[in-house]
Amino acid sequence: MSPPSSFRTTRSCDPDKFVWNEFGQTKVGPKGEVHGRTLQSALQLPEKADSGFRAYARPRNDERPVLCIADIGFPACEALLAQRGLRLVRVDEDAPIPGCYWGEPEAGVIGSNVYARADTPLHSLLHEGSHLLVIDPQRRARIHTDASDSQIEEDAACYLQIVLADFLPGFGRERAFRDMDAWGYSFRLGSTRAWFEGDAEDARAFLRERRLLPA
């Protein structure tokens, strides 16, 4: 996945990506692909020059627990995705996750399939699933691993994953806010909730135009 585009610089430039690990060190993967959450600059938008999104993958640990599929079970997750035309494919414990951009245990995407293990975080499952939902079916059929090449699609996926959290019993948006913060998403306004409630108007408009938000 590409990073949510809520980060914007105050100067016009081509999008560029920087990846930071949990120690604040940059890292870049093979063929220019990046591993870990990204920091991405975008074309200047004067009305929102710098909303300041910065995020990076942070391993789950005892101090920062996040809910995983195992905590609520596969059936609820399968049903939620199936209602929206997606298929959740279960991956065996410790097996590689097909189409996984960030590395296990995060979810992967290929076509209309979302791949996940029992230890896949729910926020990751919903984020990758949301990426598939915000693009048209023709593009979706060609997706493999990296589901977004658009900043507004990234914002929309972030927003939609929070909305969809309310449809998973035992999860919900309040827990999604906490888990996204714990995993390493960070925003200029200080938290995922602050971004969702006060800095995500572009994402909401994008989703409403495509009728992807609940009535």
C-alpha atoms as a PDB file:
ATOM      1  CA  MET A   1       0.000   0.000   0.000  1.00  0.00           C
ATOM      2  CA  SER A   2       1.048   3.601  -0.431  1.00  0.00           C
ATOM      3  CA  PRO A   3       0.928   6.002   2.503  1.00  0.00           C
ATOM      4  CA  PRO A   4      -2.156   8.059   3.261  1.00  0.00           C
ATOM      5  CA  SER A   5      -1.659  11.338   1.444  1.00  0.00           C
ATOM      6  CA  SER A   6      -2.582  13.512   4.381  1.00  0.00           C
ATOM      7  CA  PHE A   7       1.073  14.533   4.467  1.00  0.00           C
ATOM      8  CA  ARG A   8       1.685  17.400   2.074  1.00  0.00           C
ATOM      9  CA  THR A   9       4.648  19.695   1.712  1.00  0.00           C
ATOM     10  CA  THR A  10       4.345  23.436   1.204  1.00  0.00           C
ATOM     11  CA  ARG A  11       6.229  23.334  -2.079  1.00  0.00           C
ATOM     12  CA  SER A  12       5.265  21.905  -5.456  1.00  0.00           C
ATOM     13  CA  CYS A  13       7.136  18.718  -6.211  1.00  0.00           C
ATOM     14  CA  ASP A  14       6.717  15.256  -7.580  1.00  0.00           C
ATOM     15  CA  PRO A  15       5.604  12.678  -5.014  1.00  0.00           C
ATOM     16  CA  ASP A  16       8.555  11.063  -3.301  1.00  0.00           C
ATOM     17  CA  LYS A  17       8.704   8.402  -0.649  1.00  0.00           C
ATOM     18  CA  PHE A  18      10.833   7.999   2.439  1.00  0.00           C
ATOM     19  CA  VAL A  19      10.592   5.048   4.776  1.00  0.00           C
ATOM     20  CA  TRP A  20      11.411   5.122   8.439  1.00  0.00           C
ATOM     21  CA  ASN A  21      11.822   2.192  10.780  1.00  0.00           C
ATOM     22  CA  GLU A  22      11.055   2.286  14.474  1.00  0.00           C
ATOM     23  CA  PHE A  23      14.519   3.707  15.156  1.00  0.00           C
ATOM     24  CA  GLY A  24      14.021   6.694  12.891  1.00  0.00           C
ATOM     25  CA  GLN A  25      16.359   5.288  10.250  1.00  0.00           C
ATOM     26  CA  THR A  26      15.485   5.387   6.568  1.00  0.00           C
ATOM     27  CA  LYS A  27      15.196   2.165   4.615  1.00  0.00           C
ATOM     28  CA  VAL A  28      14.328   1.414   1.001  1.00  0.00           C
ATOM     29  CA  GLY A  29      13.589  -1.950  -0.528  1.00  0.00           C
ATOM     30  CA  PRO A  30      14.577  -3.499  -3.870  1.00  0.00           C
ATOM     31  CA  LYS A  31      13.592  -1.909  -7.183  1.00  0.00           C
ATOM     32  CA  GLY A  32      12.690   1.318  -5.447  1.00  0.00           C
ATOM     33  CA  GLU A  33       9.863  -0.287  -3.508  1.00  0.00           C
ATOM     34  CA  VAL A  34       9.582   0.563   0.125  1.00  0.00           C
ATOM     35  CA  HIS A  35       9.024  -1.563   3.162  1.00  0.00           C
ATOM     36  CA  GLY A  36       7.420  -0.062   6.242  1.00  0.00           C
ATOM     37  CA  ARG A  37       5.047   2.855   6.475  1.00  0.00           C
ATOM     38  CA  THR A  38       5.980   5.741   4.257  1.00  0.00           C
ATOM     39  CA  LEU A  39       6.344   9.470   4.412  1.00  0.00           C
ATOM     40  CA  GLN A  40       5.169  10.955   1.147  1.00  0.00           C
ATOM     41  CA  SER A  41       5.172  14.489  -0.139  1.00  0.00           C
ATOM     42  CA  ALA A  42       2.629  15.641  -2.687  1.00  0.00           C
ATOM     43  CA  LEU A  43       1.808  18.467  -5.012  1.00  0.00           C
ATOM     44  CA  GLN A  44       1.150  21.701  -3.222  1.00  0.00           C
ATOM     45  CA  LEU A  45      -2.410  22.275  -2.094  1.00  0.00           C
ATOM     46  CA  PRO A  46      -2.547  25.860  -0.792  1.00  0.00           C
ATOM     47  CA  GLU A  47      -5.703  25.349   1.232  1.00  0.00           C
ATOM     48  CA  LYS A  48      -4.090  22.466   3.118  1.00  0.00           C
ATOM     49  CA  ALA A  49      -0.379  22.995   2.758  1.00  0.00           C
ATOM     50  CA  ASP A  50       0.807  20.530   5.362  1.00  0.00           C
ATOM     51  CA  SER A  51      -1.567  18.216   7.156  1.00  0.00           C
ATOM     52  CA  GLY A  52       1.469  16.328   8.378  1.00  0.00           C
ATOM     53  CA  PHE A  53       0.745  12.629   8.009  1.00  0.00           C
ATOM     54  CA  ARG A  54       3.686  10.476   8.986  1.00  0.00           C
ATOM     55  CA  ALA A  55       3.431   6.764   9.551  1.00  0.00           C
ATOM     56  CA  TYR A  56       5.612   3.694   9.745  1.00  0.00           C
ATOM     57  CA  ALA A  57       5.143   0.046  10.539  1.00  0.00           C
ATOM     58  CA  ARG A  58       5.671  -0.764  14.169  1.00  0.00           C
ATOM     59  CA  PRO A  59       5.780  -4.386  15.329  1.00  0.00           C
ATOM     60  CA  ARG A  60       2.984  -5.477  17.584  1.00  0.00           C
ATOM     61  CA  ASN A  61       4.169  -6.129  21.122  1.00  0.00           C
ATOM     62  CA  ASP A  62       2.841  -6.443  24.665  1.00  0.00           C
ATOM     63  CA  GLU A  63       3.086  -2.708  25.273  1.00  0.00           C
ATOM     64  CA  ARG A  64       1.146  -1.788  22.135  1.00  0.00           C
ATOM     65  CA  PRO A  65      -1.337  -4.589  21.505  1.00  0.00           C
ATOM     66  CA  VAL A  66      -3.695  -4.410  18.538  1.00  0.00           C
ATOM     67  CA  LEU A  67      -6.686  -6.606  17.796  1.00  0.00           C
ATOM     68  CA  CYS A  68      -6.115  -9.339  15.239  1.00  0.00           C
ATOM     69  CA  ILE A  69      -8.437 -11.579  13.255  1.00  0.00           C
ATOM     70  CA  ALA A  70      -7.949 -14.309  15.855  1.00  0.00           C
ATOM     71  CA  ASP A  71      -9.561 -12.046  18.452  1.00  0.00           C
ATOM     72  CA  ILE A  72     -12.923 -11.923  16.661  1.00  0.00           C
ATOM     73  CA  GLY A  73     -12.719 -14.860  14.249  1.00  0.00           C
ATOM     74  CA  PHE A  74     -12.601 -15.188  10.475  1.00  0.00           C
ATOM     75  CA  PRO A  75     -16.373 -15.532   9.824  1.00  0.00           C
ATOM     76  CA  ALA A  76     -17.243 -11.914  10.667  1.00  0.00           C
ATOM     77  CA  CYS A  77     -14.350 -10.647   8.560  1.00  0.00           C
ATOM     78  CA  GLU A  78     -15.251 -12.920   5.652  1.00  0.00           C
ATOM     79  CA  ALA A  79     -18.872 -11.765   5.757  1.00  0.00           C
ATOM     80  CA  LEU A  80     -17.965  -8.078   5.816  1.00  0.00           C
ATOM     81  CA  LEU A  81     -15.717  -8.363   2.776  1.00  0.00           C
ATOM     82  CA  ALA A  82     -18.103 -10.683   0.914  1.00  0.00           C
ATOM     83  CA  GLN A  83     -20.930  -8.150   1.294  1.00  0.00           C
ATOM     84  CA  ARG A  84     -18.757  -5.734  -0.659  1.00  0.00           C
ATOM     85  CA  GLY A  85     -17.650  -8.115  -3.387  1.00  0.00           C
ATOM     86  CA  LEU A  86     -14.298  -9.117  -1.889  1.00  0.00           C
ATOM     87  CA  ARG A  87     -13.015 -12.511  -0.786  1.00  0.00           C
ATOM     88  CA  LEU A  88     -10.989 -13.134   2.343  1.00  0.00           C
ATOM     89  CA  VAL A  89      -8.468 -15.923   1.843  1.00  0.00           C
ATOM     90  CA  ARG A  90      -7.182 -17.562   4.999  1.00  0.00           C
ATOM     91  CA  VAL A  91      -3.428 -18.127   5.154  1.00  0.00           C
ATOM     92  CA  ASP A  92      -1.928 -20.794   7.403  1.00  0.00           C
ATOM     93  CA  GLU A  93      -0.093 -19.786  10.538  1.00  0.00           C
ATOM     94  CA  ASP A  94       3.487 -18.654   9.851  1.00  0.00           C
ATOM     95  CA  ALA A  95       2.996 -19.052   6.080  1.00  0.00           C
ATOM     96  CA  PRO A  96       3.913 -16.165   3.772  1.00  0.00           C
ATOM     97  CA  ILE A  97       0.969 -13.899   3.007  1.00  0.00           C
ATOM     98  CA  PRO A  98       0.462 -13.504  -0.771  1.00  0.00           C
ATOM     99  CA  GLY A  99       0.273  -9.944  -2.026  1.00  0.00           C
ATOM    100  CA  CYS A 100       1.597  -8.532   1.252  1.00  0.00           C
ATOM    101  CA  TYR A 101       3.251  -5.156   0.715  1.00  0.00           C
ATOM    102  CA  TRP A 102       4.355  -4.417   4.281  1.00  0.00           C
ATOM    103  CA  GLY A 103       5.455  -7.876   5.345  1.00  0.00           C
ATOM    104  CA  GLU A 104       3.760 -10.360   7.621  1.00  0.00           C
ATOM    105  CA  PRO A 105       1.520 -10.295   9.520  1.00  0.00           C
ATOM    106  CA  GLU A 106      -0.084  -7.504   7.494  1.00  0.00           C
ATOM    107  CA  ALA A 107      -2.762  -8.351   4.943  1.00  0.00           C
ATOM    108  CA  GLY A 108      -2.088  -8.815   1.240  1.00  0.00           C
ATOM    109  CA  VAL A 109      -4.157  -8.126  -1.868  1.00  0.00           C
ATOM    110  CA  ILE A 110      -4.375  -9.765  -5.288  1.00  0.00           C
ATOM    111  CA  GLY A 111      -7.325  -8.917  -7.486  1.00  0.00           C
ATOM    112  CA  SER A 112     -10.489  -9.046  -5.390  1.00  0.00           C
ATOM    113  CA  ASN A 113      -8.842 -11.292  -2.797  1.00  0.00           C
ATOM    114  CA  VAL A 114      -7.572 -10.138   0.584  1.00  0.00           C
ATOM    115  CA  TYR A 115      -5.085 -12.552   2.143  1.00  0.00           C
ATOM    116  CA  ALA A 116      -4.633 -12.724   5.897  1.00  0.00           C
ATOM    117  CA  ARG A 117      -3.562 -14.949   8.776  1.00  0.00           C
ATOM    118  CA  ALA A 118      -5.085 -15.246  12.207  1.00  0.00           C
ATOM    119  CA  ASP A 119      -2.416 -12.876  13.511  1.00  0.00           C
ATOM    120  CA  THR A 120      -3.141 -10.215  10.874  1.00  0.00           C
ATOM    121  CA  PRO A 121      -4.209  -6.972  12.583  1.00  0.00           C
ATOM    122  CA  LEU A 122      -7.807  -6.020  11.919  1.00  0.00           C
ATOM    123  CA  HIS A 123      -6.784  -2.496  10.953  1.00  0.00           C
ATOM    124  CA  SER A 124      -4.496  -3.944   8.279  1.00  0.00           C
ATOM    125  CA  LEU A 125      -7.212  -6.265   6.955  1.00  0.00           C
ATOM    126  CA  LEU A 126      -9.643  -3.361   6.654  1.00  0.00           C
ATOM    127  CA  HIS A 127      -7.085  -1.006   5.167  1.00  0.00           C
ATOM    128  CA  GLU A 128      -6.073  -3.336   2.372  1.00  0.00           C
ATOM    129  CA  GLY A 129      -9.685  -4.302   1.754  1.00  0.00           C
ATOM    130  CA  SER A 130     -10.604  -0.625   1.587  1.00  0.00           C
ATOM    131  CA  HIS A 131      -7.934  -0.087  -1.045  1.00  0.00           C
ATOM    132  CA  LEU A 132      -9.711  -2.578  -3.275  1.00  0.00           C
ATOM    133  CA  LEU A 133     -13.074  -0.952  -2.634  1.00  0.00           C
ATOM    134  CA  VAL A 134     -12.036   2.575  -3.587  1.00  0.00           C
ATOM    135  CA  ILE A 135     -10.809   1.598  -7.055  1.00  0.00           C
ATOM    136  CA  ASP A 136     -12.929   0.560 -10.016  1.00  0.00           C
ATOM    137  CA  PRO A 137     -13.415  -3.168 -10.767  1.00  0.00           C
ATOM    138  CA  GLN A 138     -11.289  -3.035 -13.922  1.00  0.00           C
ATOM    139  CA  ARG A 139      -8.266  -1.784 -12.011  1.00  0.00           C
ATOM    140  CA  ARG A 140      -9.013  -4.101  -9.114  1.00  0.00           C
ATOM    141  CA  ALA A 141      -8.644  -7.124 -11.375  1.00  0.00           C
ATOM    142  CA  ARG A 142      -5.039  -6.088 -12.100  1.00  0.00           C
ATOM    143  CA  ILE A 143      -4.017  -5.377  -8.506  1.00  0.00           C
ATOM    144  CA  HIS A 144      -1.148  -7.362  -7.038  1.00  0.00           C
ATOM    145  CA  THR A 145       0.439  -6.299  -3.717  1.00  0.00           C
ATOM    146  CA  ASP A 146       0.488  -2.511  -4.187  1.00  0.00           C
ATOM    147  CA  ALA A 147      -3.134  -1.403  -4.300  1.00  0.00           C
ATOM    148  CA  SER A 148      -2.752   2.347  -4.713  1.00  0.00           C
ATOM    149  CA  ASP A 149      -0.943   4.815  -6.908  1.00  0.00           C
ATOM    150  CA  SER A 150      -3.077   7.778  -5.886  1.00  0.00           C
ATOM    151  CA  GLN A 151      -2.865   9.962  -2.826  1.00  0.00           C
ATOM    152  CA  ILE A 152      -6.592  10.581  -2.578  1.00  0.00           C
ATOM    153  CA  GLU A 153      -7.234   6.834  -2.808  1.00  0.00           C
ATOM    154  CA  GLU A 154      -4.848   6.334   0.101  1.00  0.00           C
ATOM    155  CA  ASP A 155      -6.677   8.890   2.201  1.00  0.00           C
ATOM    156  CA  ALA A 156      -9.990   7.323   1.239  1.00  0.00           C
ATOM    157  CA  ALA A 157      -8.774   3.850   2.205  1.00  0.00           C
ATOM    158  CA  CYS A 158      -7.671   5.149   5.607  1.00  0.00           C
ATOM    159  CA  TYR A 159     -11.058   6.779   6.155  1.00  0.00           C
ATOM    160  CA  LEU A 160     -13.071   3.804   4.917  1.00  0.00           C
ATOM    161  CA  GLN A 161     -11.210   1.322   7.109  1.00  0.00           C
ATOM    162  CA  ILE A 162     -12.327   3.281  10.170  1.00  0.00           C
ATOM    163  CA  VAL A 163     -15.927   3.354   8.963  1.00  0.00           C
ATOM    164  CA  LEU A 164     -15.897  -0.388   8.257  1.00  0.00           C
ATOM    165  CA  ALA A 165     -14.509  -1.103  11.717  1.00  0.00           C
ATOM    166  CA  ASP A 166     -17.996  -0.414  13.080  1.00  0.00           C
ATOM    167  CA  PHE A 167     -19.275  -3.433  11.128  1.00  0.00           C
ATOM    168  CA  LEU A 168     -16.956  -5.883  12.868  1.00  0.00           C
ATOM    169  CA  PRO A 169     -18.345  -7.057  16.236  1.00  0.00           C
ATOM    170  CA  GLY A 170     -15.738  -6.580  18.926  1.00  0.00           C
ATOM    171  CA  PHE A 171     -13.772  -3.988  16.948  1.00  0.00           C
ATOM    172  CA  GLY A 172     -15.422  -0.655  16.075  1.00  0.00           C
ATOM    173  CA  ARG A 173     -13.957   2.719  15.223  1.00  0.00           C
ATOM    174  CA  GLU A 174     -12.931   3.582  18.783  1.00  0.00           C
ATOM    175  CA  ARG A 175     -10.647   0.549  18.904  1.00  0.00           C
ATOM    176  CA  ALA A 176      -9.538   1.195  15.323  1.00  0.00           C
ATOM    177  CA  PHE A 177      -8.375   4.678  16.330  1.00  0.00           C
ATOM    178  CA  ARG A 178      -6.317   3.236  19.173  1.00  0.00           C
ATOM    179  CA  ASP A 179      -4.872   0.389  17.127  1.00  0.00           C
ATOM    180  CA  MET A 180      -3.841   2.621  14.244  1.00  0.00           C
ATOM    181  CA  ASP A 181      -2.087   4.968  16.661  1.00  0.00           C
ATOM    182  CA  ALA A 182      -0.412   2.029  18.390  1.00  0.00           C
ATOM    183  CA  TRP A 183       0.778   0.547  15.087  1.00  0.00           C
ATOM    184  CA  GLY A 184       2.498   3.760  14.105  1.00  0.00           C
ATOM    185  CA  TYR A 185       0.098   5.901  12.082  1.00  0.00           C
ATOM    186  CA  SER A 186       0.610   9.504  13.120  1.00  0.00           C
ATOM    187  CA  PHE A 187      -0.883  12.795  11.989  1.00  0.00           C
ATOM    188  CA  ARG A 188      -0.251  16.497  12.317  1.00  0.00           C
ATOM    189  CA  LEU A 189      -3.337  16.899  14.496  1.00  0.00           C
ATOM    190  CA  GLY A 190      -1.938  14.347  16.920  1.00  0.00           C
ATOM    191  CA  SER A 191      -3.973  11.184  16.427  1.00  0.00           C
ATOM    192  CA  THR A 192      -5.936   9.088  13.975  1.00  0.00           C
ATOM    193  CA  ARG A 193      -9.175  10.297  15.555  1.00  0.00           C
ATOM    194  CA  ALA A 194      -8.161  13.926  15.099  1.00  0.00           C
ATOM    195  CA  TRP A 195      -7.393  13.327  11.424  1.00  0.00           C
ATOM    196  CA  PHE A 196     -10.650  11.423  10.881  1.00  0.00           C
ATOM    197  CA  GLU A 197     -12.811  14.046  12.568  1.00  0.00           C
ATOM    198  CA  GLY A 198     -11.046  17.229  11.553  1.00  0.00           C
ATOM    199  CA  ASP A 199      -8.706  16.785   8.588  1.00  0.00           C
ATOM    200  CA  ALA A 200     -10.215  14.202   6.239  1.00  0.00           C
ATOM    201  CA  GLU A 201     -12.733  16.200   4.236  1.00  0.00           C
ATOM    202  CA  ASP A 202     -11.110  15.250   0.924  1.00  0.00           C
ATOM    203  CA  ALA A 203     -11.394  11.560   1.741  1.00  0.00           C
ATOM    204  CA  ARG A 204     -15.034  11.901   2.783  1.00  0.00           C
ATOM    205  CA  ALA A 205     -15.914  13.739  -0.415  1.00  0.00           C
ATOM    206  CA  PHE A 206     -14.157  11.098  -2.517  1.00  0.00           C
ATOM    207  CA  LEU A 207     -16.045   8.280  -0.809  1.00  0.00           C
ATOM    208  CA  ARG A 208     -19.399  10.042  -0.936  1.00  0.00           C
ATOM    209  CA  GLU A 209     -19.034  10.732  -4.634  1.00  0.00           C
ATOM    210  CA  ARG A 210     -18.561   7.000  -5.183  1.00  0.00           C
ATOM    211  CA  ARG A 211     -21.318   6.055  -2.740  1.00  0.00           C
ATOM    212  CA  LEU A 212     -18.950   4.037  -0.584  1.00  0.00           C
ATOM    213  CA  LEU A 213     -20.095   5.435   2.756  1.00  0.00           C
ATOM    214  CA  PRO A 214     -23.088   4.021   4.642  1.00  0.00           C
ATOM    215  CA  ALA A 215     -26.259   6.064   4.296  1.00  0.00           C
END
